[in-house]
Amino acid sequence: MSVPLSVLDLSPISAGSNAAQAVRNSVDLARHAEEWGYRRYWLAEHHFVSVASSASLTLLALVAAATSRIRVGTGAVQVGQHTSASIVESFGIVDAVQPGRVDIGLGRSGHRRAQFGAEASTAKGGHPVLDTVTGRTEIRDGVVVPPPFDPRRITDRSRFVAAGEALQQPGAESLEFADQVAEIRALLDGTYVASNGVELHAVPGEGIDAEVWLFGSSAGESAKLAGELGLPFAAAYHVSPGTALDAVEAYRAAFRPSARLAQPHVIVSADVVVAPDDDTARHRASTYGHWVHSVRSGTGAAEYLDPATAAPLTADQVRLVEDRLAAQIVGSPATAVERLAALQRVTGADELLVTTITHDHADRLESHRLLAEAWAHSTVRAA
C-alpha cells in the first residue's frame, strides 16, 4: 500500500496581505488538497502571531464545510488552553454535519510542563530544564538530523508569558496532560464522571466516530503516553528535526495494543517547498529562515516575507535557525520525493504530513500539487 500524504496548514499571513485572506487561502488549499488525493487536512493552533489559525476549531468547521471526503482535524489543539468539554463539543458539532471525517489532534502546549515551548521541559519545581546538546548534523540514510535546538538561545520570553496569561482565566491551572487526555476520551466514550460523582455527557460529541491523535516532538511524555494508550502518534520533524526520530522510537517502545490499534501507527511531519525545478524552489523557500528566526527570537511568527524583496539573514541569524533550514525539504518534485521517501524509510512512518509556507498562495498550491502528482507515481510503500 502506498504511504499517504496529508497536509498540515498553519494558515500563514504573507507580508502585504492580512488574516482574512489567509483564512480564505486555507479553505482554498483544503479544497485542492482533497482534489489532489491528500488523506488528511490538519490545522495548527497558534496565538498572537501572524498566522490565522488561532481558532483552529472554528477554522476546522469552515474547512469541513468546504470539502466532502478528506479527513479534517487539528495538528494540534493546545489542550492547556481549552477545557476538555469545549474540545469534545466543538468536534462534535463538526462531526454532526460531516460525520466520520474528524481527527482530534491533541498537543501539550499550554500545559505547565510545556509552557516554555515544545523543545523544552520543566522540572517539578516549575523551572525549565534545558539540555545543552552539542554535535554535528548527521545524515541518516538520506535524512538530515541536526543537533537538538537548545531553547536557552531564546532569550526573550516575554511574549510567551503574556500570551499564556491572555489565554487562560486568572488563577486557572491546566490539568496534567495525561489527565486531560483521559477526560477527553471519557467524554467521547460516555464514561465521564465529575469530581462530585455526577455523570456528564457531551452533546454533541459523545459517541462520534473520530480518531484521537497525540502530537510530540521529543522522546517525552506525549510519545510515551500515545504508546501506552495505544493511540496513533504524530512526530513533529518539521518543528524539531533533532529530536523527532527519538520521539518515534519512544512511541514504539511504549506501545501497547488497544481496541483502536493492534500495532503502532505514526505520521511524521516535514516542511516542504516544491517547484518545477530546484532553483525556483530554493528561491520560493528563501524567506523560511526569516520566519523561523522571528519565532525563535521571541517576537513570534512574523508575516511571511517576499523572497523578491527580503534582505538576506545575517550570519548570527542563520546560526539560530540552521537546524530548521537543513531539515527543510526544498526542490523539484523528484528531489522532494527522494527526501520524503528517505524520511519515511528511516522513521517507518505509516503516513507523511506536509506543511508548506510560501509568500504567494499560488506557489503554495503549486507545491502541494506537484508533490501529490510526483508522489502518486513513486514506489514508496508502507511497511
Protein backbone atom coordinates (compact mmCIF):
# COMPACT_ATOMS: atom_id res chain seq x y z
CA MET A 1 0.00 0.00 0.00
CA SER A 2 1.30 3.46 -0.86
CA VAL A 3 2.24 5.71 2.05
CA PRO A 4 -0.37 8.50 2.15
CA LEU A 5 0.43 12.21 2.22
CA SER A 6 -1.51 14.68 4.34
CA VAL A 7 -1.42 18.46 4.82
CA LEU A 8 -0.67 20.48 7.95
CA ASP A 9 -1.76 24.11 7.49
CA LEU A 10 -0.65 26.99 9.71
CA SER A 11 -2.73 29.47 7.68
CA PRO A 12 0.25 31.81 7.25
CA ILE A 13 -0.18 35.53 6.67
CA SER A 14 2.05 36.87 3.91
CA ALA A 15 3.63 40.31 4.07
CA GLY A 16 1.30 42.74 2.34
CA SER A 17 -1.74 40.55 2.97
CA ASN A 18 -3.99 40.03 6.01
CA ALA A 19 -5.58 37.39 8.23
CA ALA A 20 -8.87 37.34 6.32
CA GLN A 21 -7.08 36.44 3.11
CA ALA A 22 -5.04 33.78 4.92
CA VAL A 23 -8.25 32.12 6.11
CA ARG A 24 -9.66 32.14 2.59
CA ASN A 25 -6.38 30.69 1.33
CA SER A 26 -6.63 27.84 3.83
CA VAL A 27 -10.13 26.93 2.71
CA ASP A 28 -8.98 27.08 -0.92
CA LEU A 29 -5.96 24.87 -0.25
CA ALA A 30 -8.17 22.34 1.55
CA ARG A 31 -10.42 22.04 -1.48
CA HIS A 32 -7.42 21.47 -3.72
CA ALA A 33 -5.80 19.02 -1.28
CA GLU A 34 -8.93 16.90 -1.44
CA GLU A 35 -8.89 17.03 -5.24
CA TRP A 36 -5.19 16.05 -5.35
CA GLY A 37 -5.65 12.99 -3.14
CA TYR A 38 -4.23 14.02 0.23
CA ARG A 39 -5.61 11.88 3.05
CA ARG A 40 -5.97 14.48 5.83
CA TYR A 41 -6.10 18.25 6.22
CA TRP A 42 -4.96 19.34 9.67
CA LEU A 43 -4.85 22.82 11.14
CA ALA A 44 -2.27 24.07 13.61
CA GLU A 45 -3.11 26.35 16.55
CA HIS A 46 -1.01 29.44 17.28
CA HIS A 47 -1.96 32.63 19.10
CA PHE A 48 -0.98 36.31 18.94
CA VAL A 49 1.30 35.85 15.92
CA SER A 50 0.98 36.39 12.18
CA VAL A 51 -0.81 33.17 11.36
CA ALA A 52 -4.58 32.94 11.03
CA SER A 53 -5.18 29.52 12.60
CA SER A 54 -5.57 30.80 16.16
CA ALA A 55 -9.14 29.48 16.44
CA SER A 56 -8.30 26.16 14.83
CA LEU A 57 -11.59 24.54 15.83
CA THR A 58 -13.56 27.31 14.10
CA LEU A 59 -11.37 27.14 11.00
CA LEU A 60 -11.78 23.37 11.05
CA ALA A 61 -15.55 23.82 10.65
CA LEU A 62 -15.02 26.07 7.61
CA VAL A 63 -12.65 23.55 6.04
CA ALA A 64 -15.03 20.66 6.71
CA ALA A 65 -17.91 22.57 5.13
CA ALA A 66 -15.84 23.32 2.03
CA THR A 67 -14.81 19.69 1.47
CA SER A 68 -16.59 16.35 1.37
CA ARG A 69 -14.13 13.43 1.56
CA ILE A 70 -10.75 14.38 3.02
CA ARG A 71 -10.32 13.80 6.75
CA VAL A 72 -10.15 17.07 8.68
CA GLY A 73 -8.61 17.75 12.06
CA THR A 74 -6.17 19.61 14.26
CA GLY A 75 -2.44 19.42 14.45
CA ALA A 76 -2.81 20.09 17.29
CA VAL A 77 -5.28 21.61 19.75
CA GLN A 78 -3.27 23.31 22.51
CA VAL A 79 -5.25 21.49 25.17
CA GLY A 80 -3.85 23.50 28.07
CA GLN A 81 -5.80 26.49 26.79
CA HIS A 82 -9.15 24.70 26.44
CA THR A 83 -11.41 22.69 28.70
CA SER A 84 -11.92 19.07 27.78
CA ALA A 85 -15.65 19.72 27.33
CA SER A 86 -15.12 22.62 24.90
CA ILE A 87 -12.82 20.46 22.77
CA VAL A 88 -15.18 17.49 22.57
CA GLU A 89 -18.28 19.62 21.98
CA SER A 90 -16.58 21.60 19.19
CA PHE A 91 -15.52 18.45 17.37
CA GLY A 92 -18.97 17.03 17.98
CA ILE A 93 -20.60 19.94 16.16
CA VAL A 94 -18.34 19.44 13.13
CA ASP A 95 -18.99 15.69 13.13
CA ALA A 96 -22.75 16.29 13.29
CA VAL A 97 -22.61 17.84 9.82
CA GLN A 98 -19.61 15.95 8.41
CA PRO A 99 -19.75 12.57 10.20
CA GLY A 100 -16.83 10.17 10.27
CA ARG A 101 -14.19 12.59 8.95
CA VAL A 102 -12.82 14.16 12.12
CA ASP A 103 -9.31 13.76 13.58
CA ILE A 104 -8.85 15.09 17.11
CA GLY A 105 -5.17 16.01 17.37
CA LEU A 106 -4.03 16.90 20.89
CA GLY A 107 -0.80 18.64 21.92
CA ARG A 108 0.69 19.62 25.28
CA SER A 109 1.11 23.34 24.51
CA GLY A 110 -0.30 25.47 27.29
CA HIS A 111 0.34 22.87 29.98
CA ARG A 112 2.65 23.54 32.88
CA ARG A 113 5.43 21.33 31.56
CA ALA A 114 5.05 22.71 28.04
CA GLN A 115 4.92 26.41 28.86
CA PHE A 116 8.42 27.08 27.58
CA GLY A 117 7.78 25.57 24.16
CA ALA A 118 7.83 22.16 22.52
CA GLU A 119 11.61 21.97 22.69
CA ALA A 120 11.89 22.46 26.47
CA SER A 121 10.88 20.50 29.55
CA THR A 122 10.17 21.61 33.10
CA ALA A 123 11.26 20.26 36.45
CA LYS A 124 8.78 19.55 39.27
CA GLY A 125 9.55 22.91 40.82
CA GLY A 126 8.40 24.71 37.69
CA HIS A 127 11.82 25.79 36.45
CA PRO A 128 12.86 24.92 32.90
CA VAL A 129 15.29 22.08 32.45
CA LEU A 130 17.10 22.67 29.17
CA ASP A 131 19.64 20.25 27.84
CA THR A 132 22.76 21.60 26.21
CA VAL A 133 23.41 19.46 23.18
CA THR A 134 26.45 19.84 21.00
CA GLY A 135 27.46 17.96 17.93
CA ARG A 136 27.29 17.88 14.19
CA THR A 137 24.42 17.37 11.81
CA GLU A 138 24.01 13.71 10.87
CA ILE A 139 22.70 12.28 7.62
CA ARG A 140 20.90 9.05 8.44
CA ASP A 141 20.21 7.19 5.21
CA GLY A 142 19.33 10.48 3.50
CA VAL A 143 17.56 12.13 6.44
CA VAL A 144 19.02 15.28 7.97
CA VAL A 145 19.23 15.02 11.77
CA PRO A 146 20.74 18.17 13.25
CA PRO A 147 21.73 18.60 16.90
CA PRO A 148 18.63 19.36 19.01
CA PHE A 149 17.94 23.08 19.34
CA ASP A 150 18.78 24.50 22.76
CA PRO A 151 15.81 26.66 23.89
CA ARG A 152 18.07 28.70 26.15
CA ARG A 153 19.07 30.51 22.98
CA ILE A 154 15.63 32.16 23.04
CA THR A 155 16.45 34.98 25.44
CA ASP A 156 13.21 36.99 25.27
CA ARG A 157 10.26 35.01 26.66
CA SER A 158 8.07 37.98 27.49
CA ARG A 159 5.70 37.29 24.59
CA PHE A 160 5.28 33.65 25.63
CA VAL A 161 4.45 34.71 29.18
CA ALA A 162 2.00 37.39 28.07
CA ALA A 163 0.25 35.04 25.66
CA GLY A 164 -0.06 32.37 28.34
CA GLU A 165 -1.74 34.83 30.67
CA ALA A 166 -4.15 36.02 27.98
CA LEU A 167 -5.20 32.51 27.03
CA GLN A 168 -6.34 31.43 30.47
CA GLN A 169 -8.69 32.86 33.06
CA PRO A 170 -6.93 34.43 36.08
CA GLY A 171 -6.00 31.72 38.54
CA ALA A 172 -6.82 28.89 36.15
CA GLU A 173 -4.45 25.94 36.14
CA SER A 174 -4.23 23.33 33.43
CA LEU A 175 -4.61 19.66 34.20
CA GLU A 176 -1.66 17.38 33.68
CA PHE A 177 -1.62 16.37 30.03
CA ALA A 178 -2.34 12.69 30.70
CA ASP A 179 -5.29 13.64 32.92
CA GLN A 180 -6.79 15.90 30.27
CA VAL A 181 -6.38 13.29 27.55
CA ALA A 182 -8.21 10.87 29.85
CA GLU A 183 -11.01 13.40 30.35
CA ILE A 184 -11.38 13.96 26.62
CA ARG A 185 -11.52 10.25 25.90
CA ALA A 186 -14.07 9.73 28.69
CA LEU A 187 -16.30 12.47 27.29
CA LEU A 188 -16.05 10.90 23.85
CA ASP A 189 -16.96 7.41 25.01
CA GLY A 190 -19.64 8.47 27.52
CA THR A 191 -17.87 7.44 30.74
CA TYR A 192 -17.08 10.88 32.17
CA VAL A 193 -17.84 11.38 35.85
CA ALA A 194 -17.29 14.74 37.57
CA SER A 195 -15.41 15.07 40.85
CA ASN A 196 -18.71 15.09 42.78
CA GLY A 197 -19.79 11.80 41.22
CA VAL A 198 -22.22 13.24 38.68
CA GLU A 199 -22.17 11.75 35.19
CA LEU A 200 -21.93 14.31 32.39
CA HIS A 201 -22.49 13.75 28.69
CA ALA A 202 -21.09 15.92 25.89
CA VAL A 203 -23.87 16.93 23.48
CA PRO A 204 -22.86 16.79 20.71
CA GLY A 205 -19.56 14.96 20.97
CA GLU A 206 -20.22 11.76 22.84
CA GLY A 207 -20.04 8.73 20.61
CA ILE A 208 -18.74 10.44 17.48
CA ASP A 209 -16.65 8.42 15.05
CA ALA A 210 -13.41 10.37 15.48
CA GLU A 211 -9.72 9.48 15.59
CA VAL A 212 -7.74 10.78 18.58
CA TRP A 213 -4.07 11.56 17.88
CA LEU A 214 -1.32 12.76 20.20
CA PHE A 215 1.42 15.07 18.93
CA GLY A 216 5.01 15.32 20.11
CA SER A 217 8.47 16.41 19.05
CA SER A 218 10.69 14.52 21.51
CA ALA A 219 11.00 11.22 23.38
CA GLY A 220 8.97 12.69 26.23
CA GLU A 221 5.53 12.49 27.75
CA SER A 222 3.43 12.76 24.58
CA ALA A 223 5.22 9.99 22.70
CA LYS A 224 5.17 7.62 25.68
CA LEU A 225 1.55 8.39 26.55
CA ALA A 226 0.40 7.76 22.97
CA GLY A 227 2.16 4.41 23.04
CA GLU A 228 0.83 3.40 26.42
CA LEU A 229 -2.75 4.25 25.39
CA GLY A 230 -2.46 2.55 22.01
CA LEU A 231 -3.22 5.77 20.12
CA PRO A 232 -1.72 6.95 16.83
CA PHE A 233 1.15 9.41 17.16
CA ALA A 234 2.30 12.40 15.11
CA ALA A 235 6.01 13.23 15.32
CA ALA A 236 6.85 16.86 14.54
CA TYR A 237 10.03 16.62 12.48
CA HIS A 238 9.15 19.99 10.95
CA VAL A 239 9.36 21.63 14.40
CA SER A 240 12.21 19.72 15.98
CA PRO A 241 14.21 17.71 13.44
CA GLY A 242 16.89 16.97 16.03
CA THR A 243 14.54 15.01 18.32
CA ALA A 244 11.58 13.81 16.24
CA LEU A 245 13.20 10.49 15.33
CA ASP A 246 13.75 9.82 19.03
CA ALA A 247 10.07 10.55 19.57
CA VAL A 248 9.09 7.86 17.07
CA GLU A 249 11.35 5.34 18.78
CA ALA A 250 9.96 6.20 22.23
CA TYR A 251 6.40 5.83 20.97
CA ARG A 252 7.06 2.41 19.50
CA ALA A 253 8.91 1.25 22.61
CA ALA A 254 5.97 2.27 24.82
CA PHE A 255 3.23 0.96 22.53
CA ARG A 256 0.58 -1.35 23.92
CA PRO A 257 -2.16 -2.73 21.63
CA SER A 258 -5.59 -1.22 22.19
CA ALA A 259 -9.11 -1.62 20.87
CA ARG A 260 -8.18 1.14 18.43
CA LEU A 261 -4.77 -0.09 17.23
CA ALA A 262 -3.15 -3.50 17.14
CA GLN A 263 0.23 -2.01 16.28
CA PRO A 264 1.87 1.44 16.31
CA HIS A 265 0.72 4.00 13.76
CA VAL A 266 2.93 7.02 13.08
CA ILE A 267 2.63 10.11 10.95
CA VAL A 268 5.79 12.22 10.57
CA SER A 269 5.69 15.88 9.53
CA ALA A 270 8.08 17.73 7.27
CA ASP A 271 8.38 21.26 5.95
CA VAL A 272 8.39 21.04 2.15
CA VAL A 273 8.56 23.51 -0.75
CA VAL A 274 8.30 22.07 -4.26
CA ALA A 275 8.61 23.93 -7.56
CA PRO A 276 9.22 22.86 -11.16
CA ASP A 277 12.99 22.95 -10.57
CA ASP A 278 15.42 23.12 -7.65
CA ASP A 279 16.46 26.74 -8.21
CA THR A 280 12.87 28.03 -8.26
CA ALA A 281 12.04 26.04 -5.13
CA ARG A 282 15.08 27.44 -3.31
CA HIS A 283 14.03 30.97 -4.23
CA ARG A 284 10.46 30.47 -3.00
CA ALA A 285 11.75 28.95 0.25
CA SER A 286 14.44 31.57 0.83
CA THR A 287 12.50 33.51 3.48
CA TYR A 288 11.68 30.45 5.55
CA GLY A 289 14.71 31.17 7.72
CA HIS A 290 13.43 34.70 8.36
CA TRP A 291 10.12 33.26 9.53
CA VAL A 292 11.73 30.68 11.85
CA HIS A 293 14.02 33.40 13.21
CA SER A 294 11.01 35.52 14.12
CA VAL A 295 9.68 32.58 16.15
CA ARG A 296 12.94 31.77 17.89
CA SER A 297 13.95 35.36 18.60
CA GLY A 298 10.94 35.64 20.90
CA THR A 299 8.92 38.08 18.81
CA GLY A 300 6.59 35.39 17.49
CA ALA A 301 5.90 34.20 13.95
CA ALA A 302 6.02 37.26 11.69
CA GLU A 303 4.34 37.84 8.35
CA TYR A 304 5.96 35.64 5.71
CA LEU A 305 8.31 37.78 3.65
CA ASP A 306 8.51 38.11 -0.13
CA PRO A 307 11.73 36.49 -1.41
CA ALA A 308 11.95 39.18 -4.10
CA THR A 309 12.42 41.99 -1.58
CA ALA A 310 13.69 40.43 1.68
CA ALA A 311 17.28 41.11 2.75
CA PRO A 312 19.39 38.01 3.49
CA LEU A 313 19.73 36.82 7.07
CA THR A 314 22.89 37.78 8.91
CA ALA A 315 25.35 35.10 9.97
CA ASP A 316 24.14 35.34 13.59
CA GLN A 317 20.52 34.97 12.48
CA VAL A 318 21.36 31.92 10.39
CA ARG A 319 23.02 30.25 13.38
CA LEU A 320 19.74 30.48 15.30
CA VAL A 321 17.78 28.65 12.60
CA GLU A 322 20.33 26.47 10.80
CA ASP A 323 18.84 23.18 12.06
CA ARG A 324 15.46 24.01 10.55
CA LEU A 325 16.99 25.22 7.31
CA ALA A 326 18.98 22.00 6.96
CA ALA A 327 15.91 19.83 7.57
CA GLN A 328 13.55 21.68 5.23
CA ILE A 329 12.85 19.71 2.05
CA VAL A 330 13.18 22.05 -0.91
CA GLY A 331 13.45 21.26 -4.61
CA SER A 332 11.90 19.82 -7.72
CA PRO A 333 9.27 17.06 -7.44
CA ALA A 334 11.98 14.43 -7.88
CA THR A 335 14.15 16.00 -5.18
CA ALA A 336 11.26 16.26 -2.73
CA VAL A 337 10.10 12.69 -3.34
CA GLU A 338 13.61 11.37 -2.78
CA ARG A 339 13.98 13.16 0.57
CA LEU A 340 10.47 12.36 1.77
CA ALA A 341 10.99 8.72 0.84
CA ALA A 342 14.14 8.71 2.95
CA LEU A 343 12.24 10.23 5.89
CA GLN A 344 9.57 7.54 5.57
CA ARG A 345 12.18 4.79 5.28
CA VAL A 346 14.18 5.89 8.33
CA THR A 347 11.16 6.52 10.57
CA GLY A 348 8.96 3.72 9.23
CA ALA A 349 6.16 6.29 9.03
CA ASP A 350 2.75 5.00 8.05
CA GLU A 351 1.88 8.46 6.72
CA LEU A 352 3.70 11.72 6.00
CA LEU A 353 2.36 15.15 6.96
CA VAL A 354 3.45 18.01 4.71
CA THR A 355 3.47 21.65 5.77
CA THR A 356 4.33 24.30 3.20
CA ILE A 357 4.73 28.07 3.56
CA THR A 358 5.41 30.41 0.67
CA HIS A 359 4.77 34.11 0.23
CA ASP A 360 2.46 33.62 -2.75
CA HIS A 361 -0.60 31.43 -2.33
CA ALA A 362 -0.29 30.26 -5.93
CA ASP A 363 3.20 28.94 -5.17
CA ARG A 364 1.87 27.04 -2.15
CA LEU A 365 -0.84 25.47 -4.28
CA GLU A 366 1.68 24.51 -6.93
CA SER A 367 3.97 22.97 -4.34
CA HIS A 368 1.25 20.69 -3.00
CA ARG A 369 0.02 19.80 -6.49
CA LEU A 370 3.45 18.93 -7.85
CA LEU A 371 4.25 16.85 -4.79
CA ALA A 372 0.97 14.94 -4.94
CA GLU A 373 1.46 14.15 -8.62
CA ALA A 374 5.05 13.02 -8.16
CA TRP A 375 4.28 11.01 -5.04
CA ALA A 376 1.46 9.17 -6.80
CA HIS A 377 3.98 7.87 -9.32
CA SER A 378 6.60 6.95 -6.71
CA THR A 379 7.23 3.48 -5.33
CA VAL A 380 7.12 4.39 -1.62
CA ARG A 381 5.14 1.76 0.22
CA ALA A 382 4.15 1.25 3.85
CA ALA A 383 5.99 -1.46 5.75
